[in-house]
């Protein structure tokens, strides 16, 4: 393979992809239409899986025979916001300087998307015995729900893959584990009364403060349960309360108080573990106390995001393949969450392995090194040879 020509094509495609402002709050349809047009020109069909509102879509592209047992290269098309960040150039115009490619999403993870798309002509010439599928999803930065509709179709009207490689930035190391992430908003509904006579009301702030304290008490109890591999950082599950707000005046018992919180769990354990603990505490302790003077108060918890973790599966098809392609004999764990757990929950062996460093993601002047573009191209060239 002519690496220089492939690099040039990947950079050209990355320039086009970065130019689409696909922050998670916005549509990715324009980017998807561009990709479909590009792929269709190469003679390949594209399967579209839109969300319920129709303003976003995931794409499924197959190179090679339409049979089970292929390999998915999974990337997302959404990016995090740029508002408030001090960029030195337009974040949606790819800038090339000093061996680096700057732009929002260049590292996380349009660089991987561009490499996969640039390699399609090479995949077509490889005489693949098993297919390579490219999945481009949406909402990875918020819910990781973008590929779920496609995953549900595997083995039905879409070929069921034998392995998935999620191309999040790992500097091309093979990651087989990450934590789950679950985020919630708990709302305490109290009853307003004059603070001089607290027996006439129910303070939502008092109750919320107790619930926050209970979450951190729960954190203390689970902290000794560490990752047996010792690779996660930190090596234990965590609970964090990020915001809290309530009340209207110093001398009025608060009618409402809400707080946003998260739980990051060890892989293999239930990702709703902290929520279930809090609900048990509410039923047994917090709600009876809140209602000691009034029957009207209540407490509700809204589930915002539940992203499953990635559990190590030593010797799996995905791990064995990725280690062979990277010429490595060891795996790593990563501190960030990905869509990998969605594929693994569907019973498909999955690892995370992609170009670039996560340290450059989500920052102003996000970049991917050109050497990492080369590393990604070599990885996919080896993949084509392995399946050809």
Foldseek 3Di string as FASTA:
>chain_A
DPLVVLLVQLVVQLQVLLLDQQAQVAACVVVVVVLQVLVVVVVWHWDWDADPVRRYIKIKTKAADQAAAAEEAEAESHFHDCPPADAPDAQSGWDDDPQKTWHTCQQRPSSLVSSVSSCRVVLNPLNFPGMYMYMYFGDFVFALCGCLVVLVCDVPPGPHYQEYAYAHAPQQFWAQWEWKKWKKKKKKFKAKDFQVCPLQIFAQVVLVVVLVVVLVVVQVVFQVVFQPVCFEVVRTKGKDWDDKDFDDDPGMRTRMMMTMMMIIHGAPDDRCVSVVVSVVCCVPPRVCVRPVRHDPIDMDMDIRYIGHIRDGDPPGPHVVLSCVLLVHDDHGHDHDGGSQVSNVVSVHHYIYGHFADCVQGPHHRRIGGSVSSSSSNSSVSVVSNVRD
